[in-house]
N, C-alpha and C. Protein backbone atom coordinates (compact mmCIF):
# COMPACT_ATOMS: atom_id res chain seq x y z
N UNK A 1 -10.89 -5.21 19.43
CA UNK A 1 -9.88 -4.26 19.16
C UNK A 1 -10.38 -3.27 18.13
N UNK A 2 -10.37 -1.99 18.48
CA UNK A 2 -10.79 -0.94 17.66
C UNK A 2 -9.61 -0.52 16.81
N UNK A 3 -9.88 -0.46 15.54
CA UNK A 3 -8.85 0.08 14.46
C UNK A 3 -9.43 1.29 13.96
N UNK A 4 -8.61 2.40 14.10
CA UNK A 4 -9.01 3.71 13.56
C UNK A 4 -8.08 4.02 12.39
N UNK A 5 -8.69 4.41 11.30
CA UNK A 5 -7.82 4.88 10.06
C UNK A 5 -8.02 6.38 10.01
N UNK A 6 -6.99 7.09 9.95
CA UNK A 6 -7.01 8.60 9.97
C UNK A 6 -5.73 9.03 9.06
N UNK A 7 -5.88 10.29 8.57
CA UNK A 7 -4.69 10.96 7.98
C UNK A 7 -3.46 10.94 8.92
N UNK A 8 -2.40 10.87 8.45
CA UNK A 8 -1.12 10.78 9.41
C UNK A 8 -0.88 12.23 9.85
N UNK A 9 0.02 12.18 10.99
CA UNK A 9 0.42 13.47 11.52
C UNK A 9 1.95 13.41 11.49
N UNK A 10 2.52 14.60 11.52
CA UNK A 10 4.02 14.55 11.78
C UNK A 10 4.62 13.65 12.75
N UNK A 11 3.92 13.62 13.75
CA UNK A 11 4.30 12.71 15.01
C UNK A 11 4.31 11.28 14.68
N UNK A 12 3.67 10.80 13.61
CA UNK A 12 3.59 9.40 13.21
C UNK A 12 4.74 9.07 12.42
N UNK A 13 5.47 9.91 11.75
CA UNK A 13 6.47 9.63 10.69
C UNK A 13 7.51 8.61 11.19
N UNK A 14 8.01 8.73 12.32
CA UNK A 14 9.08 7.90 12.74
C UNK A 14 8.49 6.30 12.72
N UNK A 15 7.33 6.14 13.36
CA UNK A 15 6.82 4.79 13.24
C UNK A 15 6.45 4.32 11.91
N UNK A 16 5.93 5.31 11.04
CA UNK A 16 5.55 5.01 9.58
C UNK A 16 6.76 4.58 8.91
N UNK A 17 7.96 5.22 9.14
CA UNK A 17 9.08 4.91 8.48
C UNK A 17 9.58 3.56 8.85
N UNK A 18 9.55 3.15 10.01
CA UNK A 18 9.94 1.84 10.60
C UNK A 18 9.04 0.75 9.85
N UNK A 19 7.67 0.98 9.77
CA UNK A 19 6.83 0.10 9.07
C UNK A 19 7.06 -0.04 7.58
N UNK A 20 7.30 1.01 6.93
CA UNK A 20 7.55 0.97 5.56
C UNK A 20 8.84 0.33 5.17
N UNK A 21 9.86 0.67 6.03
CA UNK A 21 11.16 0.02 5.76
C UNK A 21 11.16 -1.44 6.08
N UNK A 22 10.36 -1.86 7.04
CA UNK A 22 10.20 -3.43 7.27
C UNK A 22 9.55 -4.09 6.10
N UNK A 23 8.64 -3.49 5.41
CA UNK A 23 8.09 -4.14 4.16
C UNK A 23 9.14 -4.13 3.01
N UNK A 24 9.86 -2.91 2.83
CA UNK A 24 10.90 -2.94 1.77
C UNK A 24 11.89 -4.08 2.16
N UNK A 25 12.35 -4.17 3.39
CA UNK A 25 13.37 -5.18 3.72
C UNK A 25 12.98 -6.53 3.53
N UNK A 26 11.64 -6.84 3.65
CA UNK A 26 11.16 -8.34 3.38
C UNK A 26 11.28 -8.61 2.02
N UNK A 27 11.11 -7.63 1.10
CA UNK A 27 11.42 -7.79 -0.24
C UNK A 27 10.39 -8.66 -1.08
N UNK A 28 9.04 -8.68 -0.71
CA UNK A 28 8.08 -9.28 -1.46
C UNK A 28 6.87 -8.48 -1.81
N UNK A 29 6.90 -7.27 -1.56
CA UNK A 29 5.79 -6.41 -1.77
C UNK A 29 6.12 -5.14 -2.44
N UNK A 30 6.97 -4.33 -1.99
CA UNK A 30 7.28 -2.94 -2.51
C UNK A 30 8.47 -3.07 -3.49
N UNK A 31 8.36 -2.30 -4.45
CA UNK A 31 9.44 -2.34 -5.56
C UNK A 31 10.75 -1.65 -5.02
N UNK A 32 10.64 -0.82 -3.98
CA UNK A 32 11.74 -0.08 -3.56
C UNK A 32 12.95 -1.06 -2.96
N UNK A 33 14.04 -0.88 -3.28
CA UNK A 33 15.23 -1.60 -2.65
C UNK A 33 15.78 -0.91 -1.51
N UNK A 34 15.83 0.44 -1.49
CA UNK A 34 16.30 1.18 -0.34
C UNK A 34 15.12 1.74 0.45
N UNK A 35 15.36 1.60 1.78
CA UNK A 35 14.30 2.22 2.72
C UNK A 35 14.28 3.69 2.78
N UNK A 36 13.46 4.11 3.44
CA UNK A 36 13.26 5.76 3.69
C UNK A 36 14.18 5.98 4.81
N UNK A 37 14.65 7.26 4.75
CA UNK A 37 15.53 7.79 5.99
C UNK A 37 14.58 8.86 6.65
N UNK A 38 15.16 9.33 7.81
CA UNK A 38 14.35 10.31 8.54
C UNK A 38 14.27 11.57 7.57
N UNK A 39 15.15 11.84 6.84
CA UNK A 39 15.18 13.08 5.95
C UNK A 39 14.22 12.84 4.75
N UNK A 40 14.14 11.62 4.16
CA UNK A 40 13.26 11.44 3.04
C UNK A 40 11.86 11.08 3.31
N UNK A 41 11.65 10.39 4.43
CA UNK A 41 10.29 9.99 4.77
C UNK A 41 9.20 11.10 4.91
N UNK A 42 9.49 12.29 5.58
CA UNK A 42 8.65 13.32 5.65
C UNK A 42 8.11 13.84 4.28
N UNK A 43 9.06 14.13 3.36
CA UNK A 43 8.59 14.53 2.02
C UNK A 43 8.04 13.52 1.34
N UNK A 44 8.39 12.23 1.39
CA UNK A 44 7.67 11.13 0.69
C UNK A 44 6.20 11.04 1.09
N UNK A 45 5.94 10.94 2.42
CA UNK A 45 4.66 10.78 2.81
C UNK A 45 3.71 11.98 2.49
N UNK A 46 4.43 13.19 2.57
CA UNK A 46 3.53 14.46 2.32
C UNK A 46 3.40 14.64 0.86
N UNK A 47 4.10 13.94 0.00
CA UNK A 47 3.84 14.14 -1.52
C UNK A 47 2.68 13.40 -2.02
N UNK A 48 2.11 12.48 -1.29
CA UNK A 48 1.00 11.64 -1.67
C UNK A 48 -0.38 12.38 -1.77
N UNK A 49 -1.32 11.88 -2.52
CA UNK A 49 -2.57 12.55 -2.56
C UNK A 49 -3.25 12.33 -1.18
N UNK A 50 -3.06 11.26 -0.45
CA UNK A 50 -3.42 11.02 0.89
C UNK A 50 -2.51 9.90 1.46
N UNK A 51 -2.24 10.07 2.72
CA UNK A 51 -1.48 9.06 3.41
C UNK A 51 -2.20 8.82 4.80
N UNK A 52 -2.55 7.66 4.84
CA UNK A 52 -3.31 7.22 6.07
C UNK A 52 -2.71 6.30 6.95
N UNK A 53 -3.05 6.31 8.20
CA UNK A 53 -2.52 5.40 9.20
C UNK A 53 -3.54 4.58 10.03
N UNK A 54 -3.26 3.34 10.31
CA UNK A 54 -4.14 2.50 11.21
C UNK A 54 -3.61 2.71 12.54
N UNK A 55 -4.58 3.16 13.51
CA UNK A 55 -4.16 3.23 14.89
C UNK A 55 -4.97 2.42 15.78
N UNK A 56 -4.37 1.75 16.66
CA UNK A 56 -4.96 0.90 17.76
C UNK A 56 -4.34 1.46 19.16
N UNK A 57 -5.20 1.94 20.00
CA UNK A 57 -4.72 2.46 21.19
C UNK A 57 -3.67 3.38 21.17
N UNK A 58 -3.81 4.33 20.28
CA UNK A 58 -2.72 5.41 19.96
C UNK A 58 -1.47 4.99 19.45
N UNK A 59 -1.39 3.69 18.84
CA UNK A 59 -0.22 3.19 18.31
C UNK A 59 -0.39 2.99 16.87
N UNK A 60 0.42 3.41 16.08
CA UNK A 60 0.33 3.36 14.52
C UNK A 60 0.86 1.88 14.17
N UNK A 61 -0.02 1.08 13.61
CA UNK A 61 0.26 -0.30 13.32
C UNK A 61 0.20 -0.58 11.67
N UNK A 62 -0.11 0.42 11.06
CA UNK A 62 -0.04 0.32 9.51
C UNK A 62 -0.25 1.60 8.80
N UNK A 63 -0.20 1.65 7.54
CA UNK A 63 -0.33 2.87 6.70
C UNK A 63 -0.73 2.49 5.32
N UNK A 64 -1.04 3.56 4.57
CA UNK A 64 -1.23 3.38 3.19
C UNK A 64 -0.84 4.79 2.60
N UNK A 65 -0.34 4.72 1.30
CA UNK A 65 -0.24 5.92 0.49
C UNK A 65 -1.13 5.83 -0.79
N UNK A 66 -1.71 6.84 -1.19
CA UNK A 66 -2.63 6.88 -2.38
C UNK A 66 -2.13 8.06 -3.15
N UNK A 67 -2.09 7.86 -4.49
CA UNK A 67 -1.54 8.80 -5.38
C UNK A 67 -2.02 8.43 -6.80
N UNK A 68 -1.93 9.30 -7.75
CA UNK A 68 -2.20 9.01 -9.12
C UNK A 68 -1.33 7.88 -9.68
N UNK A 69 -1.89 6.98 -10.46
CA UNK A 69 -1.08 5.92 -11.06
C UNK A 69 -0.33 6.43 -12.34
N UNK A 70 -0.83 7.42 -12.89
CA UNK A 70 -0.11 8.18 -14.14
C UNK A 70 -0.72 9.59 -14.13
N UNK A 71 -0.29 10.17 -15.22
CA UNK A 71 -0.59 11.74 -15.38
C UNK A 71 -1.64 11.90 -16.55
N UNK A 72 -2.14 13.16 -16.66
CA UNK A 72 -2.91 13.57 -17.86
C UNK A 72 -4.16 12.79 -18.10
N UNK A 73 -4.24 12.25 -19.17
CA UNK A 73 -5.41 11.45 -19.59
C UNK A 73 -5.56 10.20 -18.72
N UNK A 74 -4.53 9.68 -18.06
CA UNK A 74 -4.79 8.58 -17.21
C UNK A 74 -4.76 9.07 -15.72
N UNK A 75 -4.81 10.26 -15.44
CA UNK A 75 -4.64 10.79 -14.05
C UNK A 75 -5.85 10.38 -13.20
N UNK A 76 -6.99 9.88 -13.81
CA UNK A 76 -8.21 9.41 -13.02
C UNK A 76 -7.97 8.12 -12.39
N UNK A 77 -6.87 7.53 -12.61
CA UNK A 77 -6.62 6.15 -11.94
C UNK A 77 -5.63 6.35 -10.96
N UNK A 78 -6.01 5.76 -9.80
CA UNK A 78 -5.14 5.95 -8.57
C UNK A 78 -4.29 4.58 -8.40
N UNK A 79 -3.23 4.75 -7.62
CA UNK A 79 -2.50 3.66 -7.11
C UNK A 79 -2.15 3.79 -5.71
N UNK A 80 -1.98 2.65 -5.02
CA UNK A 80 -1.82 2.75 -3.54
C UNK A 80 -0.80 1.68 -3.08
N UNK A 81 -0.25 1.89 -1.96
CA UNK A 81 0.53 0.80 -1.41
C UNK A 81 0.33 0.73 0.10
N UNK A 82 0.27 -0.31 0.66
CA UNK A 82 -0.25 -0.70 2.05
C UNK A 82 0.94 -1.32 2.84
N UNK A 83 0.98 -1.09 4.17
CA UNK A 83 2.00 -1.68 4.96
C UNK A 83 1.39 -1.83 6.33
N UNK A 84 1.57 -3.04 7.01
CA UNK A 84 1.17 -3.39 8.34
C UNK A 84 2.43 -3.91 9.02
N UNK A 85 2.75 -3.44 10.13
CA UNK A 85 3.89 -3.90 10.94
C UNK A 85 3.77 -5.37 11.19
N UNK A 86 4.83 -6.17 11.09
CA UNK A 86 4.72 -7.58 11.02
C UNK A 86 4.08 -8.19 12.39
N UNK A 87 4.25 -7.51 13.52
CA UNK A 87 3.65 -7.91 14.72
C UNK A 87 2.23 -7.83 14.82
N UNK A 88 1.51 -7.12 13.85
CA UNK A 88 0.14 -7.10 13.95
C UNK A 88 -0.53 -7.64 12.68
N UNK A 89 0.07 -8.28 11.90
CA UNK A 89 -0.50 -8.89 10.71
C UNK A 89 -1.55 -9.92 11.15
N UNK A 90 -2.44 -10.18 10.44
CA UNK A 90 -3.57 -11.12 10.63
C UNK A 90 -4.60 -10.53 11.60
N UNK A 91 -4.56 -9.30 11.84
CA UNK A 91 -5.58 -8.70 12.65
C UNK A 91 -6.67 -7.82 11.88
N UNK A 92 -6.59 -7.99 10.53
CA UNK A 92 -7.54 -7.38 9.72
C UNK A 92 -7.21 -5.82 9.49
N UNK A 93 -6.01 -5.43 9.81
CA UNK A 93 -5.79 -4.03 9.69
C UNK A 93 -5.53 -3.73 8.15
N UNK A 94 -5.03 -4.58 7.51
CA UNK A 94 -4.81 -4.38 6.00
C UNK A 94 -6.21 -4.13 5.37
N UNK A 95 -7.20 -5.00 5.66
CA UNK A 95 -8.52 -4.91 5.18
C UNK A 95 -9.07 -3.46 5.47
N UNK A 96 -8.93 -3.01 6.71
CA UNK A 96 -9.44 -1.65 7.02
C UNK A 96 -8.73 -0.59 6.25
N UNK A 97 -7.40 -0.71 6.02
CA UNK A 97 -6.63 0.17 5.28
C UNK A 97 -7.09 0.32 3.68
N UNK A 98 -7.27 -0.95 3.20
CA UNK A 98 -7.64 -0.97 1.75
C UNK A 98 -9.06 -0.34 1.62
N UNK A 99 -9.97 -0.77 2.59
CA UNK A 99 -11.31 -0.25 2.41
C UNK A 99 -11.32 1.23 2.72
N UNK A 100 -10.63 1.80 3.59
CA UNK A 100 -10.57 3.20 3.78
C UNK A 100 -9.96 3.85 2.53
N UNK A 101 -8.95 3.28 1.93
CA UNK A 101 -8.31 3.85 0.74
C UNK A 101 -9.19 3.93 -0.44
N UNK A 102 -10.19 2.91 -0.59
CA UNK A 102 -11.17 2.89 -1.68
C UNK A 102 -12.11 4.08 -1.39
N UNK A 103 -12.56 4.36 -0.27
CA UNK A 103 -13.43 5.47 0.06
C UNK A 103 -12.85 6.78 -0.16
N UNK A 104 -11.40 6.84 0.23
CA UNK A 104 -10.69 8.09 0.09
C UNK A 104 -10.50 8.47 -1.35
N UNK A 105 -10.11 7.41 -2.05
CA UNK A 105 -9.77 7.53 -3.61
C UNK A 105 -11.10 8.09 -4.26
N UNK A 106 -12.22 7.65 -3.92
CA UNK A 106 -13.42 8.14 -4.43
C UNK A 106 -13.62 9.56 -4.04
N UNK A 107 -13.45 9.91 -2.78
CA UNK A 107 -13.67 11.34 -2.33
C UNK A 107 -12.82 12.32 -3.09
N UNK A 108 -11.57 11.70 -3.42
CA UNK A 108 -10.62 12.71 -4.12
C UNK A 108 -11.04 12.87 -5.49
N UNK A 109 -11.75 11.92 -5.99
CA UNK A 109 -12.11 11.95 -7.52
C UNK A 109 -11.66 11.02 -8.47
N UNK A 110 -10.85 10.10 -7.88
CA UNK A 110 -10.31 9.05 -8.84
C UNK A 110 -11.45 8.13 -9.09
N UNK A 111 -11.37 7.48 -10.31
CA UNK A 111 -12.34 6.64 -10.90
C UNK A 111 -12.00 5.11 -10.76
N UNK A 112 -10.76 4.90 -10.67
CA UNK A 112 -10.28 3.48 -10.57
C UNK A 112 -9.10 3.43 -9.52
N UNK A 113 -8.93 2.25 -9.03
CA UNK A 113 -7.71 2.02 -8.19
C UNK A 113 -7.00 0.89 -8.87
N UNK A 114 -5.81 0.99 -9.21
CA UNK A 114 -5.05 0.00 -9.95
C UNK A 114 -3.85 -0.38 -9.21
N UNK A 115 -3.53 -1.60 -9.06
CA UNK A 115 -2.27 -2.15 -8.51
C UNK A 115 -1.45 -2.77 -9.66
N UNK A 116 -0.29 -2.22 -9.80
CA UNK A 116 0.59 -2.54 -10.92
C UNK A 116 1.46 -3.80 -10.79
N UNK A 117 1.77 -4.24 -9.57
CA UNK A 117 2.68 -5.09 -9.23
C UNK A 117 2.55 -5.83 -8.01
N UNK A 118 1.38 -6.60 -7.86
CA UNK A 118 1.20 -7.47 -6.70
C UNK A 118 1.97 -8.78 -6.91
N UNK A 119 3.00 -9.05 -6.08
CA UNK A 119 3.87 -10.15 -6.28
C UNK A 119 3.08 -11.48 -6.13
N UNK A 120 3.22 -12.48 -6.98
CA UNK A 120 2.46 -13.57 -6.98
C UNK A 120 2.55 -14.40 -5.75
N UNK A 121 3.57 -14.24 -4.82
CA UNK A 121 3.67 -14.97 -3.68
C UNK A 121 3.28 -14.27 -2.43
N UNK A 122 2.78 -13.15 -2.72
CA UNK A 122 2.13 -12.28 -1.64
C UNK A 122 0.65 -12.69 -1.46
N UNK A 123 0.53 -13.94 -0.93
CA UNK A 123 -0.82 -14.51 -0.90
C UNK A 123 -1.82 -13.89 0.02
N UNK A 124 -1.36 -13.23 1.06
CA UNK A 124 -2.33 -12.66 1.86
C UNK A 124 -2.89 -11.39 1.12
N UNK A 125 -1.99 -10.51 0.49
CA UNK A 125 -2.50 -9.48 -0.24
C UNK A 125 -3.53 -9.82 -1.45
N UNK A 126 -3.13 -10.93 -2.17
CA UNK A 126 -3.93 -11.31 -3.29
C UNK A 126 -5.30 -11.79 -2.62
N UNK A 127 -5.41 -12.54 -1.55
CA UNK A 127 -6.54 -13.00 -1.00
C UNK A 127 -7.44 -11.76 -0.64
N UNK A 128 -6.75 -10.81 0.05
CA UNK A 128 -7.52 -9.60 0.44
C UNK A 128 -8.14 -8.77 -0.77
N UNK A 129 -7.38 -8.52 -1.70
CA UNK A 129 -7.80 -7.90 -2.85
C UNK A 129 -8.98 -8.54 -3.57
N UNK A 130 -8.85 -9.80 -3.69
CA UNK A 130 -10.01 -10.52 -4.27
C UNK A 130 -11.30 -10.52 -3.42
N UNK A 131 -10.97 -10.56 -2.04
CA UNK A 131 -12.20 -10.54 -1.18
C UNK A 131 -13.00 -9.23 -1.27
N UNK A 132 -12.10 -8.09 -1.50
CA UNK A 132 -12.70 -6.79 -1.56
C UNK A 132 -13.25 -6.35 -3.10
N UNK A 133 -13.18 -7.37 -3.90
CA UNK A 133 -13.87 -7.08 -5.20
C UNK A 133 -12.82 -6.60 -6.26
N UNK A 134 -11.55 -6.57 -6.06
CA UNK A 134 -10.67 -6.28 -6.99
C UNK A 134 -10.62 -7.26 -8.15
N UNK A 135 -10.33 -6.82 -9.44
CA UNK A 135 -10.48 -7.74 -10.55
C UNK A 135 -9.06 -7.96 -11.13
N UNK A 136 -8.63 -9.16 -11.31
CA UNK A 136 -7.39 -9.50 -11.69
C UNK A 136 -7.29 -9.28 -13.23
N UNK A 137 -6.25 -8.42 -13.57
CA UNK A 137 -6.14 -8.17 -15.09
C UNK A 137 -5.25 -9.06 -15.90
N UNK A 138 -4.27 -9.54 -15.13
CA UNK A 138 -3.26 -10.50 -15.73
C UNK A 138 -1.99 -10.54 -15.02
N UNK A 139 -1.03 -11.24 -15.59
CA UNK A 139 0.35 -11.45 -14.93
C UNK A 139 1.34 -11.16 -15.83
N UNK A 140 2.35 -10.55 -15.17
CA UNK A 140 3.62 -10.26 -16.03
C UNK A 140 4.76 -11.18 -15.47
N UNK A 141 5.20 -12.11 -16.32
CA UNK A 141 6.24 -13.05 -15.85
C UNK A 141 7.42 -12.49 -15.42
N UNK A 142 7.93 -12.81 -14.29
CA UNK A 142 9.34 -12.32 -13.77
C UNK A 142 9.34 -10.87 -13.69
N UNK A 143 8.26 -10.28 -13.21
CA UNK A 143 8.20 -8.74 -13.10
C UNK A 143 8.70 -8.20 -11.79
N UNK A 144 9.19 -9.04 -10.81
CA UNK A 144 9.63 -8.58 -9.63
C UNK A 144 10.87 -9.28 -9.16
N UNK A 145 11.81 -8.49 -8.85
CA UNK A 145 13.08 -8.89 -8.44
C UNK A 145 13.13 -9.14 -6.90
N UNK A 146 13.26 -10.52 -6.51
CA UNK A 146 13.29 -10.85 -5.07
C UNK A 146 14.69 -10.70 -4.59
N UNK A 147 14.78 -10.67 -3.20
CA UNK A 147 15.97 -10.40 -2.52
C UNK A 147 17.15 -11.39 -2.88
N UNK A 148 16.60 -12.58 -3.23
CA UNK A 148 17.62 -13.58 -3.48
C UNK A 148 18.23 -13.59 -4.85
N UNK A 149 17.78 -12.64 -5.66
CA UNK A 149 18.27 -12.32 -6.97
C UNK A 149 17.38 -13.12 -8.04
N UNK A 150 16.48 -13.81 -7.65
CA UNK A 150 15.47 -14.52 -8.62
C UNK A 150 14.40 -13.60 -8.92
N UNK A 151 13.59 -13.79 -10.00
CA UNK A 151 12.42 -13.09 -10.45
C UNK A 151 11.15 -13.76 -10.04
N UNK A 152 10.13 -13.03 -9.65
CA UNK A 152 8.83 -13.50 -9.50
C UNK A 152 7.77 -12.94 -10.34
N UNK A 153 6.65 -13.52 -10.72
CA UNK A 153 5.58 -12.89 -11.45
C UNK A 153 4.89 -11.85 -10.62
N UNK A 154 4.39 -10.85 -11.31
CA UNK A 154 3.48 -9.86 -10.68
C UNK A 154 2.17 -9.85 -11.34
N UNK A 155 1.19 -9.63 -10.56
CA UNK A 155 -0.29 -9.62 -10.96
C UNK A 155 -0.85 -8.08 -10.94
N UNK A 156 -1.55 -7.80 -11.92
CA UNK A 156 -2.21 -6.43 -11.95
C UNK A 156 -3.59 -6.63 -11.59
N UNK A 157 -4.11 -5.70 -10.65
CA UNK A 157 -5.55 -5.68 -10.27
C UNK A 157 -6.04 -4.34 -10.37
N UNK A 158 -7.49 -4.23 -10.45
CA UNK A 158 -7.99 -2.89 -10.38
C UNK A 158 -9.37 -3.03 -9.84
N UNK A 159 -9.91 -1.95 -9.32
CA UNK A 159 -11.32 -1.88 -8.63
C UNK A 159 -11.81 -0.48 -9.08
N UNK A 160 -13.08 -0.61 -9.64
CA UNK A 160 -13.68 0.64 -10.07
C UNK A 160 -14.15 1.41 -8.74
N UNK A 161 -14.29 2.77 -8.75
CA UNK A 161 -14.70 3.44 -7.65
C UNK A 161 -16.08 4.08 -7.93
């Protein structure tokens, strides 16, 4: 299976919105509670430093957004979010997205990629980030609100570029 990562096109937005909202709805990765709408998705994806999609046989199966983690004196640090449609998980699409993101962040001029809130029970993401050389900074107890109203720890990671 050949996975291609490329910048998104407007024609991808409907599928991207579906994938993004699926992850939001699952409630163990993204901090958002509300999903994107047809009217908000286009502006959201366009506002990023880079938005990439994973394509297999002309079908978008995953995406990532890349943007500054902060402003000014901390603007050299990037942040990113990744989403893969549930039916295609386990096919190494996430690994391709993260690897592409590291390269793209470097090209843009970021010096580090930092993840602020990797949920402790998101085992596949943690395994992937550690496999790709991300360094675990620490944990914030009860930093993430789960769908059932309980709180879970979040882990901070970074990778130098």
